[in-house]
Amino acid sequence: MVGSSLPRRALGRLLRQYRIAAGKGQLAAGLHVEISPQSIGRMEDGRKVKIVTSQIKDLLDLYGVVEPSEKRDEVLSLWQEVRQQDHAAKLQGDTKGWWRSYRDQFAAHFDHYLSLEASAHRLTSHQLTLVPGLLQTPEYRRAMIHADDPNLSAVDVERRLELAARRRIRLEDSAFHLSAMLSEAVLRHQPGGCAVMGGQLRQLITDGERENVAIRIVPFGVGAHSGLVVQSFTLLEFPPPANRLVEPPVVYVEGYEGALFLEQMDVIDRHRRALSNLGQVALSEDDSRELVWRIAKEYQA
């Protein structure tokens, strides 16, 4: 896990807020501290860039956040927290995040998602077609890898399976909670055939017995509901901060050619309402488990 992900995101939000308030563009900010405007953008998005303390101070000067100032102290305190956690990660041999040793196996946007997933304490996933990645069996994942790229080498397939297995370790953390709202279609699609799906559904039953995992199914035939109009998404929520800054949630929407990271509160609220509506039509956890088991037995027939 990259420990500095949350303070880095908080730092980026404040720097963006003060830059905009000062009427400065990313180009002007970058020129002022001799880095690219793209680097300014990445930093404001909470991503790691090469920058030093003097440049952070110069940016604050440019934005009019000068001493003495609580705002300036807050930014510099966050920057020190980022540096300290980066240093601790370096001592532990985790300077970039464990998943980045697999970065040749996923799209650039997924690097950012995995960083958020590692920092989140709660994930709520609404899925229309596929089992969420954290709940997939190796056989199911292998079938989906083949569907996406049937010509992928055996070595690359195994590396992707290793990545998936390492992600699942997160479920062992009792402080981490995963809620999955799955369309019945997720249970009916058959990547890999009946045997693979039977194993996957049995794994869903087992995972659903974990205290920190909740799986509910939206069955066919329940009438109109938000799941029919909103695409699959994951809501990531973060633990209470060490400082007074609240880390806002993120909605992650993955597409075939890229992904969206949505942070506007009105957008977050709409997705929360969609989840609330899904909760009204979804089966209870116990009834969901019975449906999953019934379909799993169909695959054994």
C-alpha atoms as a PDB file:
ATOM      1  CA  MET A   1       0.000   0.000   0.000  1.00  0.00           C
ATOM      2  CA  VAL A   2       1.155   3.526  -0.763  1.00  0.00           C
ATOM      3  CA  GLY A   3       0.677   5.203   2.589  1.00  0.00           C
ATOM      4  CA  SER A   4       1.036   8.746   1.269  1.00  0.00           C
ATOM      5  CA  SER A   5      -1.868   8.443  -1.175  1.00  0.00           C
ATOM      6  CA  LEU A   6      -4.430  10.218   1.029  1.00  0.00           C
ATOM      7  CA  PRO A   7      -2.272  13.139   2.257  1.00  0.00           C
ATOM      8  CA  ARG A   8      -0.967  13.515  -1.302  1.00  0.00           C
ATOM      9  CA  ARG A   9      -4.520  13.837  -2.606  1.00  0.00           C
ATOM     10  CA  ALA A  10      -5.370  16.365   0.127  1.00  0.00           C
ATOM     11  CA  LEU A  11      -2.227  18.334  -0.744  1.00  0.00           C
ATOM     12  CA  GLY A  12      -3.160  18.357  -4.419  1.00  0.00           C
ATOM     13  CA  ARG A  13      -6.692  19.559  -3.742  1.00  0.00           C
ATOM     14  CA  LEU A  14      -5.467  22.478  -1.650  1.00  0.00           C
ATOM     15  CA  LEU A  15      -2.856  23.511  -4.210  1.00  0.00           C
ATOM     16  CA  ARG A  16      -5.468  23.422  -6.973  1.00  0.00           C
ATOM     17  CA  GLN A  17      -7.892  25.429  -4.826  1.00  0.00           C
ATOM     18  CA  TYR A  18      -5.318  28.135  -4.088  1.00  0.00           C
ATOM     19  CA  ARG A  19      -4.077  28.249  -7.694  1.00  0.00           C
ATOM     20  CA  ILE A  20      -7.585  28.782  -9.039  1.00  0.00           C
ATOM     21  CA  ALA A  21      -8.343  31.382  -6.342  1.00  0.00           C
ATOM     22  CA  ALA A  22      -5.204  33.249  -7.422  1.00  0.00           C
ATOM     23  CA  GLY A  23      -6.306  33.195 -11.061  1.00  0.00           C
ATOM     24  CA  LYS A  24      -3.238  31.242 -12.192  1.00  0.00           C
ATOM     25  CA  GLY A  25      -3.165  28.551 -14.850  1.00  0.00           C
ATOM     26  CA  GLN A  26      -1.208  25.328 -14.684  1.00  0.00           C
ATOM     27  CA  LEU A  27       1.189  26.673 -17.310  1.00  0.00           C
ATOM     28  CA  ALA A  28       2.020  29.749 -15.212  1.00  0.00           C
ATOM     29  CA  ALA A  29       2.432  27.621 -12.097  1.00  0.00           C
ATOM     30  CA  GLY A  30       4.716  25.198 -13.889  1.00  0.00           C
ATOM     31  CA  LEU A  31       6.862  27.953 -15.347  1.00  0.00           C
ATOM     32  CA  HIS A  32       7.189  29.556 -11.917  1.00  0.00           C
ATOM     33  CA  VAL A  33       8.758  26.438 -10.380  1.00  0.00           C
ATOM     34  CA  GLU A  34      10.318  25.057 -13.580  1.00  0.00           C
ATOM     35  CA  ILE A  35       8.211  21.942 -14.023  1.00  0.00           C
ATOM     36  CA  SER A  36       5.724  21.080 -16.758  1.00  0.00           C
ATOM     37  CA  PRO A  37       2.046  22.081 -16.524  1.00  0.00           C
ATOM     38  CA  GLN A  38       1.296  18.365 -16.839  1.00  0.00           C
ATOM     39  CA  SER A  39       3.263  17.794 -13.628  1.00  0.00           C
ATOM     40  CA  ILE A  40       1.232  20.505 -11.910  1.00  0.00           C
ATOM     41  CA  GLY A  41      -1.927  18.718 -13.039  1.00  0.00           C
ATOM     42  CA  ARG A  42      -0.723  15.327 -11.827  1.00  0.00           C
ATOM     43  CA  MET A  43       0.265  16.781  -8.471  1.00  0.00           C
ATOM     44  CA  GLU A  44      -3.152  18.401  -8.084  1.00  0.00           C
ATOM     45  CA  ASP A  45      -4.741  15.033  -8.917  1.00  0.00           C
ATOM     46  CA  GLY A  46      -2.870  13.504  -5.988  1.00  0.00           C
ATOM     47  CA  ARG A  47      -0.264  11.702  -8.054  1.00  0.00           C
ATOM     48  CA  LYS A  48       3.434  11.532  -7.361  1.00  0.00           C
ATOM     49  CA  VAL A  49       5.704  14.015  -9.154  1.00  0.00           C
ATOM     50  CA  LYS A  50       9.305  15.079  -8.674  1.00  0.00           C
ATOM     51  CA  ILE A  51       9.132  18.243  -6.600  1.00  0.00           C
ATOM     52  CA  VAL A  52      10.962  19.583  -3.547  1.00  0.00           C
ATOM     53  CA  THR A  53       9.986  21.677  -0.537  1.00  0.00           C
ATOM     54  CA  SER A  54      11.310  24.939  -1.972  1.00  0.00           C
ATOM     55  CA  GLN A  55       9.089  24.524  -5.035  1.00  0.00           C
ATOM     56  CA  ILE A  56       6.023  23.926  -2.863  1.00  0.00           C
ATOM     57  CA  LYS A  57       6.824  27.140  -0.996  1.00  0.00           C
ATOM     58  CA  ASP A  58       7.331  29.013  -4.281  1.00  0.00           C
ATOM     59  CA  LEU A  59       3.927  27.849  -5.503  1.00  0.00           C
ATOM     60  CA  LEU A  60       2.314  29.097  -2.297  1.00  0.00           C
ATOM     61  CA  ASP A  61       4.043  32.455  -2.765  1.00  0.00           C
ATOM     62  CA  LEU A  62       2.705  32.616  -6.329  1.00  0.00           C
ATOM     63  CA  TYR A  63      -0.797  31.858  -5.081  1.00  0.00           C
ATOM     64  CA  GLY A  64      -0.601  34.537  -2.395  1.00  0.00           C
ATOM     65  CA  VAL A  65      -0.588  32.035   0.464  1.00  0.00           C
ATOM     66  CA  VAL A  66       2.232  33.710   2.384  1.00  0.00           C
ATOM     67  CA  GLU A  67       3.519  33.631   5.946  1.00  0.00           C
ATOM     68  CA  PRO A  68       2.129  33.878   8.526  1.00  0.00           C
ATOM     69  CA  SER A  69      -0.862  31.835   7.373  1.00  0.00           C
ATOM     70  CA  GLU A  70      -2.779  28.821   8.662  1.00  0.00           C
ATOM     71  CA  LYS A  71      -3.405  27.843   5.047  1.00  0.00           C
ATOM     72  CA  ARG A  72       0.303  27.840   4.296  1.00  0.00           C
ATOM     73  CA  ASP A  73       1.085  25.876   7.468  1.00  0.00           C
ATOM     74  CA  GLU A  74      -1.582  23.334   6.540  1.00  0.00           C
ATOM     75  CA  VAL A  75      -0.130  22.771   3.067  1.00  0.00           C
ATOM     76  CA  LEU A  76       3.422  22.474   4.361  1.00  0.00           C
ATOM     77  CA  SER A  77       2.283  20.086   7.095  1.00  0.00           C
ATOM     78  CA  LEU A  78       0.644  17.869   4.482  1.00  0.00           C
ATOM     79  CA  TRP A  79       3.787  18.034   2.363  1.00  0.00           C
ATOM     80  CA  GLN A  80       5.878  16.904   5.325  1.00  0.00           C
ATOM     81  CA  GLU A  81       3.449  14.037   5.941  1.00  0.00           C
ATOM     82  CA  VAL A  82       3.797  12.971   2.303  1.00  0.00           C
ATOM     83  CA  ARG A  83       7.590  13.061   2.562  1.00  0.00           C
ATOM     84  CA  GLN A  84       7.640  11.127   5.834  1.00  0.00           C
ATOM     85  CA  GLN A  85       5.363   8.404   4.520  1.00  0.00           C
ATOM     86  CA  ASP A  86       7.321   8.188   1.276  1.00  0.00           C
ATOM     87  CA  HIS A  87      10.479   7.747   3.338  1.00  0.00           C
ATOM     88  CA  ALA A  88       8.858   5.033   5.466  1.00  0.00           C
ATOM     89  CA  ALA A  89       7.685   3.239   2.329  1.00  0.00           C
ATOM     90  CA  LYS A  90      11.186   3.446   0.887  1.00  0.00           C
ATOM     91  CA  LEU A  91      12.654   1.841   4.007  1.00  0.00           C
ATOM     92  CA  GLN A  92      10.105  -0.958   3.627  1.00  0.00           C
ATOM     93  CA  GLY A  93      11.007  -1.419  -0.028  1.00  0.00           C
ATOM     94  CA  ASP A  94       7.599  -0.129  -1.171  1.00  0.00           C
ATOM     95  CA  THR A  95       8.406   3.191  -2.831  1.00  0.00           C
ATOM     96  CA  LYS A  96       5.846   2.953  -5.608  1.00  0.00           C
ATOM     97  CA  GLY A  97       3.207   0.449  -4.510  1.00  0.00           C
ATOM     98  CA  TRP A  98       3.464  -3.319  -4.880  1.00  0.00           C
ATOM     99  CA  TRP A  99       1.222  -3.356  -7.963  1.00  0.00           C
ATOM    100  CA  ARG A 100       3.634  -1.262 -10.002  1.00  0.00           C
ATOM    101  CA  SER A 101       5.856  -4.277 -10.525  1.00  0.00           C
ATOM    102  CA  TYR A 102       2.943  -5.425 -12.719  1.00  0.00           C
ATOM    103  CA  ARG A 103       2.468  -2.108 -14.530  1.00  0.00           C
ATOM    104  CA  ASP A 104       3.208  -3.741 -17.895  1.00  0.00           C
ATOM    105  CA  GLN A 105      -0.005  -5.711 -17.381  1.00  0.00           C
ATOM    106  CA  PHE A 106      -2.587  -2.942 -16.969  1.00  0.00           C
ATOM    107  CA  ALA A 107      -3.640   0.381 -18.450  1.00  0.00           C
ATOM    108  CA  ALA A 108      -2.216   3.608 -17.024  1.00  0.00           C
ATOM    109  CA  HIS A 109      -5.511   4.633 -15.405  1.00  0.00           C
ATOM    110  CA  PHE A 110      -5.641   1.395 -13.399  1.00  0.00           C
ATOM    111  CA  ASP A 111      -2.440   2.352 -11.586  1.00  0.00           C
ATOM    112  CA  HIS A 112      -4.310   5.285 -10.058  1.00  0.00           C
ATOM    113  CA  TYR A 113      -7.291   3.085  -9.227  1.00  0.00           C
ATOM    114  CA  LEU A 114      -5.133   0.528  -7.414  1.00  0.00           C
ATOM    115  CA  SER A 115      -3.569   3.330  -5.370  1.00  0.00           C
ATOM    116  CA  LEU A 116      -7.050   4.453  -4.306  1.00  0.00           C
ATOM    117  CA  GLU A 117      -8.183   0.882  -3.645  1.00  0.00           C
ATOM    118  CA  ALA A 118      -5.179   0.352  -1.378  1.00  0.00           C
ATOM    119  CA  SER A 119      -6.078   3.469   0.641  1.00  0.00           C
ATOM    120  CA  ALA A 120      -9.856   3.010   0.802  1.00  0.00           C
ATOM    121  CA  HIS A 121     -11.544   1.476   3.819  1.00  0.00           C
ATOM    122  CA  ARG A 122     -14.836   0.820   2.039  1.00  0.00           C
ATOM    123  CA  LEU A 123     -15.694  -0.166  -1.532  1.00  0.00           C
ATOM    124  CA  THR A 124     -19.245  -0.390  -2.845  1.00  0.00           C
ATOM    125  CA  SER A 125     -19.388  -1.983  -6.277  1.00  0.00           C
ATOM    126  CA  HIS A 126     -22.405  -2.018  -8.600  1.00  0.00           C
ATOM    127  CA  GLN A 127     -21.819  -4.490 -11.416  1.00  0.00           C
ATOM    128  CA  LEU A 128     -24.080  -5.300 -14.342  1.00  0.00           C
ATOM    129  CA  THR A 129     -22.082  -7.994 -16.147  1.00  0.00           C
ATOM    130  CA  LEU A 130     -18.923  -9.133 -14.340  1.00  0.00           C
ATOM    131  CA  VAL A 131     -17.896 -10.315 -10.892  1.00  0.00           C
ATOM    132  CA  PRO A 132     -15.901  -7.540  -9.146  1.00  0.00           C
ATOM    133  CA  GLY A 133     -12.145  -8.048  -9.422  1.00  0.00           C
ATOM    134  CA  LEU A 134     -11.627  -8.582  -5.685  1.00  0.00           C
ATOM    135  CA  LEU A 135     -14.098 -11.490  -5.746  1.00  0.00           C
ATOM    136  CA  GLN A 136     -12.947 -13.274  -8.908  1.00  0.00           C
ATOM    137  CA  THR A 137     -11.515 -16.797  -8.876  1.00  0.00           C
ATOM    138  CA  PRO A 138      -8.298 -17.443 -10.842  1.00  0.00           C
ATOM    139  CA  GLU A 139     -10.230 -19.557 -13.355  1.00  0.00           C
ATOM    140  CA  TYR A 140     -12.828 -16.837 -13.928  1.00  0.00           C
ATOM    141  CA  ARG A 141     -10.105 -14.222 -14.257  1.00  0.00           C
ATOM    142  CA  ARG A 142      -8.202 -16.423 -16.708  1.00  0.00           C
ATOM    143  CA  ALA A 143     -11.315 -16.745 -18.874  1.00  0.00           C
ATOM    144  CA  MET A 144     -11.799 -12.968 -18.905  1.00  0.00           C
ATOM    145  CA  ILE A 145      -8.126 -12.385 -19.764  1.00  0.00           C
ATOM    146  CA  HIS A 146      -8.495 -14.758 -22.719  1.00  0.00           C
ATOM    147  CA  ALA A 147     -11.712 -13.027 -23.828  1.00  0.00           C
ATOM    148  CA  ASP A 148      -9.963  -9.657 -23.795  1.00  0.00           C
ATOM    149  CA  ASP A 149      -6.745 -10.829 -25.480  1.00  0.00           C
ATOM    150  CA  PRO A 150      -6.708 -14.432 -26.748  1.00  0.00           C
ATOM    151  CA  ASN A 151      -3.150 -13.991 -28.050  1.00  0.00           C
ATOM    152  CA  LEU A 152      -1.628 -12.950 -24.726  1.00  0.00           C
ATOM    153  CA  SER A 153       1.445 -14.973 -23.805  1.00  0.00           C
ATOM    154  CA  ALA A 154       1.283 -17.560 -21.027  1.00  0.00           C
ATOM    155  CA  VAL A 155       3.811 -15.530 -19.017  1.00  0.00           C
ATOM    156  CA  ASP A 156       1.659 -12.401 -19.169  1.00  0.00           C
ATOM    157  CA  VAL A 157      -1.466 -14.375 -18.269  1.00  0.00           C
ATOM    158  CA  GLU A 158       0.236 -15.723 -15.151  1.00  0.00           C
ATOM    159  CA  ARG A 159       1.441 -12.262 -14.148  1.00  0.00           C
ATOM    160  CA  ARG A 160      -2.097 -10.909 -14.391  1.00  0.00           C
ATOM    161  CA  LEU A 161      -3.339 -13.780 -12.270  1.00  0.00           C
ATOM    162  CA  GLU A 162      -0.642 -12.980  -9.693  1.00  0.00           C
ATOM    163  CA  LEU A 163      -1.813  -9.362  -9.636  1.00  0.00           C
ATOM    164  CA  ALA A 164      -5.417 -10.471  -9.085  1.00  0.00           C
ATOM    165  CA  ALA A 165      -4.376 -12.823  -6.274  1.00  0.00           C
ATOM    166  CA  ARG A 166      -2.434 -10.079  -4.506  1.00  0.00           C
ATOM    167  CA  ARG A 167      -5.417  -7.729  -4.716  1.00  0.00           C
ATOM    168  CA  ARG A 168      -7.591 -10.328  -2.984  1.00  0.00           C
ATOM    169  CA  ILE A 169      -5.326 -10.198   0.068  1.00  0.00           C
ATOM    170  CA  ARG A 170      -7.112  -6.936   0.912  1.00  0.00           C
ATOM    171  CA  LEU A 171     -10.143  -8.979   1.932  1.00  0.00           C
ATOM    172  CA  GLU A 172      -8.111 -10.332   4.869  1.00  0.00           C
ATOM    173  CA  ASP A 173      -8.072  -6.829   6.401  1.00  0.00           C
ATOM    174  CA  SER A 174     -10.971  -6.668   8.863  1.00  0.00           C
ATOM    175  CA  ALA A 175     -10.910  -2.844   8.701  1.00  0.00           C
ATOM    176  CA  PHE A 176     -11.670  -2.997   4.975  1.00  0.00           C
ATOM    177  CA  HIS A 177     -15.284  -3.464   3.847  1.00  0.00           C
ATOM    178  CA  LEU A 178     -16.572  -4.534   0.444  1.00  0.00           C
ATOM    179  CA  SER A 179     -20.220  -4.324  -0.565  1.00  0.00           C
ATOM    180  CA  ALA A 180     -21.230  -5.717  -3.952  1.00  0.00           C
ATOM    181  CA  MET A 181     -24.541  -5.090  -5.699  1.00  0.00           C
ATOM    182  CA  LEU A 182     -24.652  -7.555  -8.576  1.00  0.00           C
ATOM    183  CA  SER A 183     -27.204  -7.922 -11.321  1.00  0.00           C
ATOM    184  CA  GLU A 184     -28.431 -11.492 -11.709  1.00  0.00           C
ATOM    185  CA  ALA A 185     -26.854 -11.277 -15.170  1.00  0.00           C
ATOM    186  CA  VAL A 186     -23.439 -11.456 -13.463  1.00  0.00           C
ATOM    187  CA  LEU A 187     -24.385 -14.938 -12.256  1.00  0.00           C
ATOM    188  CA  ARG A 188     -25.799 -16.014 -15.610  1.00  0.00           C
ATOM    189  CA  HIS A 189     -22.923 -15.066 -17.894  1.00  0.00           C
ATOM    190  CA  GLN A 190     -20.547 -18.001 -18.332  1.00  0.00           C
ATOM    191  CA  PRO A 191     -16.916 -16.957 -18.849  1.00  0.00           C
ATOM    192  CA  GLY A 192     -14.991 -20.221 -19.115  1.00  0.00           C
ATOM    193  CA  GLY A 193     -18.118 -22.380 -19.157  1.00  0.00           C
ATOM    194  CA  CYS A 194     -20.259 -24.084 -16.541  1.00  0.00           C
ATOM    195  CA  ALA A 195     -17.429 -25.532 -14.443  1.00  0.00           C
ATOM    196  CA  VAL A 196     -15.684 -22.168 -14.108  1.00  0.00           C
ATOM    197  CA  MET A 197     -18.916 -20.375 -13.243  1.00  0.00           C
ATOM    198  CA  GLY A 198     -19.887 -23.031 -10.729  1.00  0.00           C
ATOM    199  CA  GLY A 199     -16.575 -22.501  -8.963  1.00  0.00           C
ATOM    200  CA  GLN A 200     -16.941 -18.733  -9.140  1.00  0.00           C
ATOM    201  CA  LEU A 201     -20.401 -18.776  -7.602  1.00  0.00           C
ATOM    202  CA  ARG A 202     -19.271 -21.088  -4.815  1.00  0.00           C
ATOM    203  CA  GLN A 203     -16.451 -18.614  -4.144  1.00  0.00           C
ATOM    204  CA  LEU A 204     -19.009 -15.782  -3.957  1.00  0.00           C
ATOM    205  CA  ILE A 205     -20.865 -17.749  -1.295  1.00  0.00           C
ATOM    206  CA  THR A 206     -17.645 -18.273   0.670  1.00  0.00           C
ATOM    207  CA  ASP A 207     -16.575 -14.635   0.350  1.00  0.00           C
ATOM    208  CA  GLY A 208     -20.044 -13.497   1.370  1.00  0.00           C
ATOM    209  CA  GLU A 209     -19.582 -15.268   4.698  1.00  0.00           C
ATOM    210  CA  ARG A 210     -16.740 -12.907   5.596  1.00  0.00           C
ATOM    211  CA  GLU A 211     -17.794 -10.297   8.145  1.00  0.00           C
ATOM    212  CA  ASN A 212     -16.361  -7.514   5.987  1.00  0.00           C
ATOM    213  CA  VAL A 213     -17.988  -8.593   2.710  1.00  0.00           C
ATOM    214  CA  ALA A 214     -21.651  -8.100   1.759  1.00  0.00           C
ATOM    215  CA  ILE A 215     -23.022  -9.486  -1.511  1.00  0.00           C
ATOM    216  CA  ARG A 216     -26.555  -8.740  -2.689  1.00  0.00           C
ATOM    217  CA  ILE A 217     -28.171  -9.713  -5.964  1.00  0.00           C
ATOM    218  CA  VAL A 218     -30.615  -7.618  -7.999  1.00  0.00           C
ATOM    219  CA  PRO A 219     -32.780 -10.348  -9.539  1.00  0.00           C
ATOM    220  CA  PHE A 220     -34.411 -10.294 -12.936  1.00  0.00           C
ATOM    221  CA  GLY A 221     -38.040  -9.211 -12.963  1.00  0.00           C
ATOM    222  CA  VAL A 222     -38.030  -6.624 -10.171  1.00  0.00           C
ATOM    223  CA  GLY A 223     -39.250  -3.788 -12.387  1.00  0.00           C
ATOM    224  CA  ALA A 224     -37.636  -0.437 -13.115  1.00  0.00           C
ATOM    225  CA  HIS A 225     -34.680   0.584 -10.961  1.00  0.00           C
ATOM    226  CA  SER A 226     -31.560   2.729 -11.187  1.00  0.00           C
ATOM    227  CA  GLY A 227     -29.386  -0.229 -12.152  1.00  0.00           C
ATOM    228  CA  LEU A 228     -31.065  -0.233 -15.552  1.00  0.00           C
ATOM    229  CA  VAL A 229     -29.839   3.273 -16.386  1.00  0.00           C
ATOM    230  CA  VAL A 230     -26.556   3.702 -14.507  1.00  0.00           C
ATOM    231  CA  GLN A 231     -23.509   1.814 -15.701  1.00  0.00           C
ATOM    232  CA  SER A 232     -21.275  -0.321 -13.511  1.00  0.00           C
ATOM    233  CA  PHE A 233     -19.258   1.714 -11.002  1.00  0.00           C
ATOM    234  CA  THR A 234     -17.328   1.495  -7.755  1.00  0.00           C
ATOM    235  CA  LEU A 235     -17.662   3.974  -4.887  1.00  0.00           C
ATOM    236  CA  LEU A 236     -14.448   4.262  -2.874  1.00  0.00           C
ATOM    237  CA  GLU A 237     -14.584   5.756   0.612  1.00  0.00           C
ATOM    238  CA  PHE A 238     -11.609   6.563   2.796  1.00  0.00           C
ATOM    239  CA  PRO A 239     -10.841   6.359   6.526  1.00  0.00           C
ATOM    240  CA  PRO A 240     -11.063   9.372   8.841  1.00  0.00           C
ATOM    241  CA  PRO A 241      -8.048  11.619   8.281  1.00  0.00           C
ATOM    242  CA  ALA A 242      -5.218  12.232  10.705  1.00  0.00           C
ATOM    243  CA  ASN A 243      -5.645  15.949  10.011  1.00  0.00           C
ATOM    244  CA  ARG A 244      -8.839  17.973   9.864  1.00  0.00           C
ATOM    245  CA  LEU A 245      -9.166  17.587   6.098  1.00  0.00           C
ATOM    246  CA  VAL A 246     -11.878  15.136   5.093  1.00  0.00           C
ATOM    247  CA  GLU A 247     -10.887  12.859   2.223  1.00  0.00           C
ATOM    248  CA  PRO A 248     -13.803  12.897  -0.246  1.00  0.00           C
ATOM    249  CA  PRO A 249     -15.046   9.685  -1.831  1.00  0.00           C
ATOM    250  CA  VAL A 250     -14.411   8.793  -5.457  1.00  0.00           C
ATOM    251  CA  VAL A 251     -16.643   7.077  -8.003  1.00  0.00           C
ATOM    252  CA  TYR A 252     -14.661   4.946 -10.436  1.00  0.00           C
ATOM    253  CA  VAL A 253     -16.234   4.126 -13.805  1.00  0.00           C
ATOM    254  CA  GLU A 254     -14.212   1.854 -16.062  1.00  0.00           C
ATOM    255  CA  GLY A 255     -14.677   1.698 -19.830  1.00  0.00           C
ATOM    256  CA  TYR A 256     -13.070  -0.249 -22.644  1.00  0.00           C
ATOM    257  CA  GLU A 257     -10.776   2.620 -23.635  1.00  0.00           C
ATOM    258  CA  GLY A 258     -10.278   4.368 -20.324  1.00  0.00           C
ATOM    259  CA  ALA A 259     -11.849   5.290 -17.014  1.00  0.00           C
ATOM    260  CA  LEU A 260     -13.430   8.140 -15.086  1.00  0.00           C
ATOM    261  CA  PHE A 261     -12.570   9.208 -11.541  1.00  0.00           C
ATOM    262  CA  LEU A 262     -15.540  11.292 -10.393  1.00  0.00           C
ATOM    263  CA  GLU A 263     -15.144  13.497  -7.322  1.00  0.00           C
ATOM    264  CA  GLN A 264     -17.792  16.230  -7.650  1.00  0.00           C
ATOM    265  CA  MET A 265     -20.108  15.961  -4.648  1.00  0.00           C
ATOM    266  CA  ASP A 266     -23.293  16.247  -6.705  1.00  0.00           C
ATOM    267  CA  VAL A 267     -22.097  13.327  -8.847  1.00  0.00           C
ATOM    268  CA  ILE A 268     -21.164  11.330  -5.741  1.00  0.00           C
ATOM    269  CA  ASP A 269     -24.614  12.021  -4.286  1.00  0.00           C
ATOM    270  CA  ARG A 270     -26.360  10.809  -7.465  1.00  0.00           C
ATOM    271  CA  HIS A 271     -24.429   7.555  -7.327  1.00  0.00           C
ATOM    272  CA  ARG A 272     -25.269   7.173  -3.627  1.00  0.00           C
ATOM    273  CA  ARG A 273     -28.948   7.601  -4.491  1.00  0.00           C
ATOM    274  CA  ALA A 274     -28.577   4.969  -7.202  1.00  0.00           C
ATOM    275  CA  LEU A 275     -27.089   2.566  -4.653  1.00  0.00           C
ATOM    276  CA  SER A 276     -29.909   3.347  -2.240  1.00  0.00           C
ATOM    277  CA  ASN A 277     -32.461   2.552  -4.941  1.00  0.00           C
ATOM    278  CA  LEU A 278     -30.663  -0.689  -5.773  1.00  0.00           C
ATOM    279  CA  GLY A 279     -30.748  -1.587  -2.100  1.00  0.00           C
ATOM    280  CA  GLN A 280     -34.543  -1.322  -2.170  1.00  0.00           C
ATOM    281  CA  VAL A 281     -34.904  -3.903  -4.971  1.00  0.00           C
ATOM    282  CA  ALA A 282     -31.947  -6.191  -4.221  1.00  0.00           C
ATOM    283  CA  LEU A 283     -32.400  -9.434  -2.332  1.00  0.00           C
ATOM    284  CA  SER A 284     -31.196  -9.612   1.248  1.00  0.00           C
ATOM    285  CA  GLU A 285     -27.772 -11.134   1.823  1.00  0.00           C
ATOM    286  CA  ASP A 286     -29.348 -14.439   2.902  1.00  0.00           C
ATOM    287  CA  ASP A 287     -31.738 -14.570  -0.048  1.00  0.00           C
ATOM    288  CA  SER A 288     -28.912 -13.561  -2.374  1.00  0.00           C
ATOM    289  CA  ARG A 289     -26.818 -16.440  -1.045  1.00  0.00           C
ATOM    290  CA  GLU A 290     -29.697 -18.847  -1.748  1.00  0.00           C
ATOM    291  CA  LEU A 291     -30.038 -17.579  -5.334  1.00  0.00           C
ATOM    292  CA  VAL A 292     -26.301 -17.844  -5.950  1.00  0.00           C
ATOM    293  CA  TRP A 293     -26.296 -21.394  -4.581  1.00  0.00           C
ATOM    294  CA  ARG A 294     -29.296 -22.384  -6.707  1.00  0.00           C
ATOM    295  CA  ILE A 295     -27.636 -21.117  -9.898  1.00  0.00           C
ATOM    296  CA  ALA A 296     -24.341 -22.763  -8.904  1.00  0.00           C
ATOM    297  CA  LYS A 297     -26.169 -26.104  -8.694  1.00  0.00           C
ATOM    298  CA  GLU A 298     -27.588 -25.495 -12.180  1.00  0.00           C
ATOM    299  CA  TYR A 299     -24.031 -25.295 -13.494  1.00  0.00           C
ATOM    300  CA  GLN A 300     -23.284 -28.663 -11.894  1.00  0.00           C
ATOM    301  CA  ALA A 301     -26.247 -30.377 -13.573  1.00  0.00           C
END
